[in-house]
Amino acid sequence: MAIGWMTVLKLVPWDDVIANAPQVVEGARKLWKTVTRSPALPPEPAQAPEAAAAPAPELATRSELQALAATVSVLHEQMAESSALIEALADQNAQLIRQIESNRVRLGWLMAVVGLLAAALLYLLLRG
């Protein structure tokens, strides 16, 4: 049985979402700063003179290390892109929360005006 969207939206603790929105944005910014500061690849160590005389299995290990270094570089790029996306989503979330709060305040004022108008109309109907 499918749950309606309105039911799902009513179950969301909006007070908690609104209260935690700045923390989410700050966490995303910290993640972005951390990822952009970390180096993509560690510096390669200097080769020892005996490395030139290494047997064939050592060459296979070196090529494996190069492949792993390339994989780490690709993963670092993906992590940087992901953290940028997370930061953008957190900013959008903060904007959405601000808009929801603004709409909530406007709805409160609108309900007060409608209530006053309804009371005035009721007064005029009962008086006349």
N, C-alpha and C. Protein backbone atom coordinates (compact mmCIF):
# COMPACT_ATOMS: atom_id res chain seq x y z
N MET A 1 0.84 -1.17 0.00
CA MET A 1 0.00 0.00 0.00
C MET A 1 0.89 1.24 0.00
N ALA A 2 0.65 2.12 -0.91
CA ALA A 2 1.47 3.32 -1.06
C ALA A 2 1.04 4.39 -0.06
N ILE A 3 2.05 5.06 0.48
CA ILE A 3 1.78 6.17 1.40
C ILE A 3 1.78 7.46 0.58
N GLY A 4 0.78 8.30 0.80
CA GLY A 4 0.68 9.55 0.06
C GLY A 4 1.79 10.52 0.45
N TRP A 5 2.11 11.42 -0.48
CA TRP A 5 3.17 12.40 -0.24
C TRP A 5 2.84 13.30 0.94
N MET A 6 1.60 13.68 1.06
CA MET A 6 1.22 14.56 2.17
C MET A 6 1.44 13.86 3.50
N THR A 7 1.14 12.57 3.57
CA THR A 7 1.37 11.82 4.79
C THR A 7 2.85 11.77 5.12
N VAL A 8 3.67 11.55 4.10
CA VAL A 8 5.12 11.51 4.31
C VAL A 8 5.61 12.86 4.78
N LEU A 9 5.15 13.95 4.15
CA LEU A 9 5.59 15.29 4.53
C LEU A 9 5.14 15.66 5.94
N LYS A 10 4.00 15.14 6.37
CA LYS A 10 3.53 15.41 7.73
C LYS A 10 4.38 14.69 8.76
N LEU A 11 4.98 13.57 8.36
CA LEU A 11 5.79 12.79 9.30
C LEU A 11 7.20 13.36 9.48
N VAL A 12 7.62 14.25 8.59
CA VAL A 12 8.97 14.84 8.68
C VAL A 12 9.00 15.82 9.84
N PRO A 13 9.99 15.67 10.74
CA PRO A 13 10.11 16.64 11.84
C PRO A 13 10.73 17.94 11.34
N TRP A 14 9.91 18.85 10.79
CA TRP A 14 10.42 20.04 10.14
C TRP A 14 11.17 20.96 11.10
N ASP A 15 10.78 20.97 12.36
CA ASP A 15 11.50 21.80 13.33
C ASP A 15 12.96 21.35 13.42
N ASP A 16 13.17 20.03 13.45
CA ASP A 16 14.54 19.49 13.51
C ASP A 16 15.30 19.78 12.22
N VAL A 17 14.62 19.65 11.09
CA VAL A 17 15.26 19.91 9.80
C VAL A 17 15.70 21.37 9.72
N ILE A 18 14.83 22.27 10.12
CA ILE A 18 15.16 23.70 10.08
C ILE A 18 16.29 24.02 11.06
N ALA A 19 16.23 23.42 12.24
CA ALA A 19 17.26 23.69 13.25
C ALA A 19 18.63 23.16 12.83
N ASN A 20 18.68 22.05 12.12
CA ASN A 20 19.95 21.43 11.75
C ASN A 20 20.49 21.86 10.40
N ALA A 21 19.75 22.64 9.64
CA ALA A 21 20.20 23.06 8.31
C ALA A 21 21.53 23.80 8.34
N PRO A 22 21.76 24.74 9.25
CA PRO A 22 23.07 25.41 9.26
C PRO A 22 24.23 24.45 9.56
N GLN A 23 24.00 23.46 10.40
CA GLN A 23 25.05 22.48 10.71
C GLN A 23 25.37 21.63 9.49
N VAL A 24 24.37 21.30 8.70
CA VAL A 24 24.60 20.51 7.48
C VAL A 24 25.43 21.32 6.49
N VAL A 25 25.10 22.58 6.34
CA VAL A 25 25.84 23.45 5.41
C VAL A 25 27.29 23.59 5.88
N GLU A 26 27.49 23.82 7.17
CA GLU A 26 28.85 23.98 7.70
C GLU A 26 29.66 22.69 7.54
N GLY A 27 29.02 21.54 7.77
CA GLY A 27 29.70 20.25 7.58
C GLY A 27 30.10 20.03 6.14
N ALA A 28 29.25 20.41 5.22
CA ALA A 28 29.57 20.25 3.79
C ALA A 28 30.72 21.17 3.40
N ARG A 29 30.73 22.38 3.95
CA ARG A 29 31.84 23.29 3.64
C ARG A 29 33.15 22.78 4.21
N LYS A 30 33.12 22.23 5.43
CA LYS A 30 34.34 21.66 6.02
C LYS A 30 34.84 20.49 5.18
N LEU A 31 33.92 19.64 4.72
CA LEU A 31 34.31 18.51 3.87
C LEU A 31 34.95 19.01 2.59
N TRP A 32 34.36 20.02 1.96
CA TRP A 32 34.89 20.56 0.72
C TRP A 32 36.29 21.13 0.94
N LYS A 33 36.48 21.87 2.02
CA LYS A 33 37.80 22.45 2.30
C LYS A 33 38.83 21.35 2.56
N THR A 34 38.45 20.30 3.27
CA THR A 34 39.36 19.21 3.56
C THR A 34 39.77 18.48 2.29
N VAL A 35 38.81 18.22 1.43
CA VAL A 35 39.09 17.48 0.19
C VAL A 35 39.96 18.31 -0.75
N THR A 36 39.68 19.60 -0.84
CA THR A 36 40.44 20.41 -1.78
C THR A 36 41.86 20.68 -1.28
N ARG A 37 42.09 20.60 0.02
CA ARG A 37 43.44 20.82 0.55
C ARG A 37 44.30 19.57 0.47
N SER A 38 43.70 18.38 0.49
CA SER A 38 44.51 17.16 0.49
C SER A 38 45.10 16.94 -0.90
N PRO A 39 46.37 16.48 -0.97
CA PRO A 39 47.00 16.30 -2.27
C PRO A 39 46.40 15.11 -3.01
N ALA A 40 46.41 15.20 -4.33
CA ALA A 40 45.84 14.13 -5.16
C ALA A 40 46.69 12.88 -5.07
N LEU A 41 47.98 13.03 -5.14
CA LEU A 41 48.90 11.90 -5.07
C LEU A 41 50.03 12.24 -4.12
N PRO A 42 50.45 11.25 -3.31
CA PRO A 42 51.61 11.52 -2.47
C PRO A 42 52.85 11.62 -3.34
N PRO A 43 53.85 12.40 -2.92
CA PRO A 43 55.06 12.51 -3.73
C PRO A 43 55.76 11.16 -3.83
N GLU A 44 56.29 10.90 -5.04
CA GLU A 44 56.95 9.62 -5.25
C GLU A 44 58.29 9.61 -4.54
N PRO A 45 58.61 8.50 -3.86
CA PRO A 45 59.89 8.42 -3.18
C PRO A 45 61.03 8.32 -4.20
N ALA A 46 62.19 8.79 -3.78
CA ALA A 46 63.36 8.71 -4.66
C ALA A 46 63.75 7.24 -4.83
N GLN A 47 64.17 6.88 -6.04
CA GLN A 47 64.54 5.50 -6.30
C GLN A 47 65.93 5.22 -5.75
N ALA A 48 66.06 4.08 -5.14
CA ALA A 48 67.35 3.66 -4.61
C ALA A 48 68.22 3.16 -5.75
N PRO A 49 69.55 3.26 -5.64
CA PRO A 49 70.42 2.80 -6.72
C PRO A 49 70.28 1.30 -7.00
N GLU A 50 69.98 0.50 -5.97
CA GLU A 50 69.86 -0.94 -6.21
C GLU A 50 68.55 -1.30 -6.91
N ALA A 51 67.64 -0.35 -7.08
CA ALA A 51 66.38 -0.62 -7.76
C ALA A 51 66.60 -0.91 -9.24
N ALA A 52 67.65 -0.37 -9.82
CA ALA A 52 67.93 -0.62 -11.23
C ALA A 52 68.33 -2.07 -11.46
N ALA A 53 68.94 -2.69 -10.48
CA ALA A 53 69.37 -4.07 -10.62
C ALA A 53 68.34 -5.05 -10.06
N ALA A 54 67.11 -4.60 -9.86
CA ALA A 54 66.09 -5.46 -9.26
C ALA A 54 65.66 -6.53 -10.26
N PRO A 55 65.26 -7.71 -9.77
CA PRO A 55 64.79 -8.77 -10.66
C PRO A 55 63.41 -8.46 -11.24
N ALA A 56 62.96 -9.25 -12.17
CA ALA A 56 61.70 -9.05 -12.88
C ALA A 56 60.49 -8.96 -11.94
N PRO A 57 60.38 -9.76 -10.88
CA PRO A 57 59.21 -9.63 -10.02
C PRO A 57 59.10 -8.23 -9.39
N GLU A 58 60.21 -7.57 -9.15
CA GLU A 58 60.19 -6.22 -8.60
C GLU A 58 59.55 -5.24 -9.60
N LEU A 59 59.80 -5.43 -10.89
CA LEU A 59 59.20 -4.58 -11.91
C LEU A 59 57.69 -4.73 -11.92
N ALA A 60 57.21 -5.94 -11.72
CA ALA A 60 55.77 -6.16 -11.66
C ALA A 60 55.18 -5.42 -10.46
N THR A 61 55.88 -5.43 -9.36
CA THR A 61 55.40 -4.74 -8.17
C THR A 61 55.37 -3.23 -8.41
N ARG A 62 56.39 -2.72 -9.08
CA ARG A 62 56.43 -1.29 -9.37
C ARG A 62 55.26 -0.91 -10.29
N SER A 63 54.98 -1.72 -11.29
CA SER A 63 53.86 -1.41 -12.18
C SER A 63 52.53 -1.50 -11.43
N GLU A 64 52.44 -2.43 -10.51
CA GLU A 64 51.23 -2.52 -9.69
C GLU A 64 51.07 -1.27 -8.83
N LEU A 65 52.18 -0.79 -8.28
CA LEU A 65 52.14 0.43 -7.48
C LEU A 65 51.73 1.63 -8.32
N GLN A 66 52.21 1.68 -9.56
CA GLN A 66 51.82 2.78 -10.44
C GLN A 66 50.33 2.70 -10.77
N ALA A 67 49.84 1.49 -10.97
CA ALA A 67 48.41 1.31 -11.25
C ALA A 67 47.58 1.73 -10.03
N LEU A 68 48.06 1.36 -8.84
CA LEU A 68 47.35 1.75 -7.63
C LEU A 68 47.38 3.26 -7.44
N ALA A 69 48.51 3.88 -7.76
CA ALA A 69 48.62 5.33 -7.65
C ALA A 69 47.64 6.01 -8.62
N ALA A 70 47.51 5.47 -9.80
CA ALA A 70 46.56 6.03 -10.77
C ALA A 70 45.12 5.86 -10.26
N THR A 71 44.84 4.71 -9.66
CA THR A 71 43.51 4.47 -9.11
C THR A 71 43.21 5.43 -7.97
N VAL A 72 44.21 5.66 -7.11
CA VAL A 72 44.03 6.59 -6.00
C VAL A 72 43.77 7.99 -6.54
N SER A 73 44.47 8.37 -7.60
CA SER A 73 44.26 9.69 -8.20
C SER A 73 42.84 9.83 -8.72
N VAL A 74 42.36 8.80 -9.40
CA VAL A 74 40.98 8.84 -9.93
C VAL A 74 39.98 8.91 -8.78
N LEU A 75 40.21 8.13 -7.74
CA LEU A 75 39.31 8.15 -6.59
C LEU A 75 39.32 9.51 -5.89
N HIS A 76 40.48 10.13 -5.82
CA HIS A 76 40.57 11.46 -5.21
C HIS A 76 39.77 12.48 -6.03
N GLU A 77 39.87 12.40 -7.34
CA GLU A 77 39.09 13.30 -8.19
C GLU A 77 37.60 13.08 -7.99
N GLN A 78 37.19 11.81 -7.91
CA GLN A 78 35.78 11.51 -7.69
C GLN A 78 35.32 12.02 -6.32
N MET A 79 36.18 11.90 -5.32
CA MET A 79 35.84 12.39 -3.99
C MET A 79 35.70 13.90 -3.99
N ALA A 80 36.58 14.59 -4.71
CA ALA A 80 36.48 16.05 -4.81
C ALA A 80 35.18 16.46 -5.51
N GLU A 81 34.83 15.76 -6.58
CA GLU A 81 33.58 16.05 -7.28
C GLU A 81 32.38 15.77 -6.39
N SER A 82 32.43 14.67 -5.64
CA SER A 82 31.33 14.32 -4.74
C SER A 82 31.18 15.35 -3.63
N SER A 83 32.29 15.80 -3.09
CA SER A 83 32.19 16.79 -2.01
C SER A 83 31.69 18.12 -2.54
N ALA A 84 32.04 18.46 -3.78
CA ALA A 84 31.49 19.68 -4.38
C ALA A 84 29.98 19.55 -4.55
N LEU A 85 29.53 18.38 -4.97
CA LEU A 85 28.10 18.14 -5.11
C LEU A 85 27.41 18.21 -3.76
N ILE A 86 28.03 17.64 -2.73
CA ILE A 86 27.44 17.68 -1.39
C ILE A 86 27.33 19.12 -0.91
N GLU A 87 28.35 19.93 -1.16
CA GLU A 87 28.31 21.33 -0.75
C GLU A 87 27.19 22.07 -1.49
N ALA A 88 27.05 21.80 -2.78
CA ALA A 88 25.98 22.46 -3.55
C ALA A 88 24.61 22.03 -3.04
N LEU A 89 24.45 20.76 -2.74
CA LEU A 89 23.17 20.28 -2.21
C LEU A 89 22.88 20.87 -0.84
N ALA A 90 23.91 21.00 -0.01
CA ALA A 90 23.71 21.59 1.30
C ALA A 90 23.29 23.05 1.18
N ASP A 91 23.90 23.78 0.25
CA ASP A 91 23.50 25.17 0.03
C ASP A 91 22.05 25.26 -0.46
N GLN A 92 21.69 24.37 -1.37
CA GLN A 92 20.31 24.36 -1.86
C GLN A 92 19.35 24.00 -0.74
N ASN A 93 19.76 23.08 0.13
CA ASN A 93 18.94 22.70 1.27
C ASN A 93 18.73 23.89 2.19
N ALA A 94 19.79 24.66 2.44
CA ALA A 94 19.67 25.84 3.30
C ALA A 94 18.72 26.86 2.67
N GLN A 95 18.81 27.07 1.36
CA GLN A 95 17.91 28.00 0.68
C GLN A 95 16.46 27.51 0.77
N LEU A 96 16.27 26.21 0.61
CA LEU A 96 14.93 25.64 0.69
C LEU A 96 14.36 25.82 2.10
N ILE A 97 15.18 25.61 3.11
CA ILE A 97 14.72 25.76 4.49
C ILE A 97 14.34 27.22 4.76
N ARG A 98 15.16 28.16 4.26
CA ARG A 98 14.82 29.58 4.44
C ARG A 98 13.49 29.92 3.77
N GLN A 99 13.27 29.37 2.58
CA GLN A 99 12.01 29.64 1.87
C GLN A 99 10.82 29.01 2.59
N ILE A 100 11.01 27.82 3.11
CA ILE A 100 9.93 27.16 3.86
C ILE A 100 9.58 27.98 5.10
N GLU A 101 10.60 28.46 5.80
CA GLU A 101 10.35 29.28 6.99
C GLU A 101 9.63 30.56 6.62
N SER A 102 10.03 31.19 5.52
CA SER A 102 9.37 32.41 5.05
C SER A 102 7.90 32.12 4.72
N ASN A 103 7.66 31.01 4.04
CA ASN A 103 6.28 30.64 3.69
C ASN A 103 5.46 30.35 4.95
N ARG A 104 6.08 29.75 5.95
CA ARG A 104 5.37 29.46 7.20
C ARG A 104 4.93 30.76 7.88
N VAL A 105 5.82 31.75 7.92
CA VAL A 105 5.50 33.03 8.53
C VAL A 105 4.38 33.72 7.73
N ARG A 106 4.48 33.72 6.41
CA ARG A 106 3.44 34.34 5.58
C ARG A 106 2.10 33.65 5.77
N LEU A 107 2.12 32.33 5.88
CA LEU A 107 0.88 31.59 6.09
C LEU A 107 0.25 31.96 7.43
N GLY A 108 1.08 32.17 8.44
CA GLY A 108 0.57 32.59 9.75
C GLY A 108 -0.13 33.94 9.66
N TRP A 109 0.50 34.88 8.98
CA TRP A 109 -0.12 36.20 8.80
C TRP A 109 -1.41 36.09 7.99
N LEU A 110 -1.38 35.29 6.94
CA LEU A 110 -2.57 35.12 6.10
C LEU A 110 -3.71 34.52 6.91
N MET A 111 -3.41 33.54 7.74
CA MET A 111 -4.45 32.93 8.58
C MET A 111 -5.02 33.95 9.56
N ALA A 112 -4.18 34.82 10.09
CA ALA A 112 -4.66 35.86 11.02
C ALA A 112 -5.59 36.84 10.29
N VAL A 113 -5.22 37.26 9.09
CA VAL A 113 -6.05 38.18 8.31
C VAL A 113 -7.38 37.53 7.95
N VAL A 114 -7.34 36.28 7.52
CA VAL A 114 -8.58 35.57 7.16
C VAL A 114 -9.45 35.42 8.40
N GLY A 115 -8.85 35.14 9.53
CA GLY A 115 -9.62 35.03 10.77
C GLY A 115 -10.30 36.35 11.14
N LEU A 116 -9.56 37.45 11.01
CA LEU A 116 -10.16 38.76 11.29
C LEU A 116 -11.28 39.08 10.32
N LEU A 117 -11.07 38.78 9.05
CA LEU A 117 -12.13 39.03 8.06
C LEU A 117 -13.35 38.16 8.32
N ALA A 118 -13.14 36.92 8.71
CA ALA A 118 -14.27 36.03 9.01
C ALA A 118 -15.03 36.54 10.24
N ALA A 119 -14.29 37.01 11.25
CA ALA A 119 -14.95 37.56 12.45
C ALA A 119 -15.73 38.82 12.09
N ALA A 120 -15.16 39.69 11.24
CA ALA A 120 -15.88 40.90 10.84
C ALA A 120 -17.12 40.56 10.04
N LEU A 121 -17.01 39.59 9.16
CA LEU A 121 -18.17 39.17 8.36
C LEU A 121 -19.25 38.58 9.25
N LEU A 122 -18.86 37.77 10.21
CA LEU A 122 -19.82 37.17 11.13
C LEU A 122 -20.52 38.26 11.96
N TYR A 123 -19.74 39.23 12.38
CA TYR A 123 -20.30 40.34 13.14
C TYR A 123 -21.32 41.11 12.30
N LEU A 124 -20.98 41.40 11.06
CA LEU A 124 -21.90 42.12 10.19
C LEU A 124 -23.16 41.31 9.90
N LEU A 125 -23.02 40.02 9.74
CA LEU A 125 -24.20 39.17 9.46
C LEU A 125 -25.11 39.08 10.67
N LEU A 126 -24.55 38.98 11.85
CA LEU A 126 -25.37 38.84 13.05
C LEU A 126 -25.97 40.20 13.46
N ARG A 127 -25.32 41.27 13.17
CA ARG A 127 -25.77 42.61 13.52
C ARG A 127 -26.93 43.05 12.61
N GLY A 128 -26.85 42.70 11.37
CA GLY A 128 -27.81 43.21 10.41
C GLY A 128 -28.93 42.34 10.17
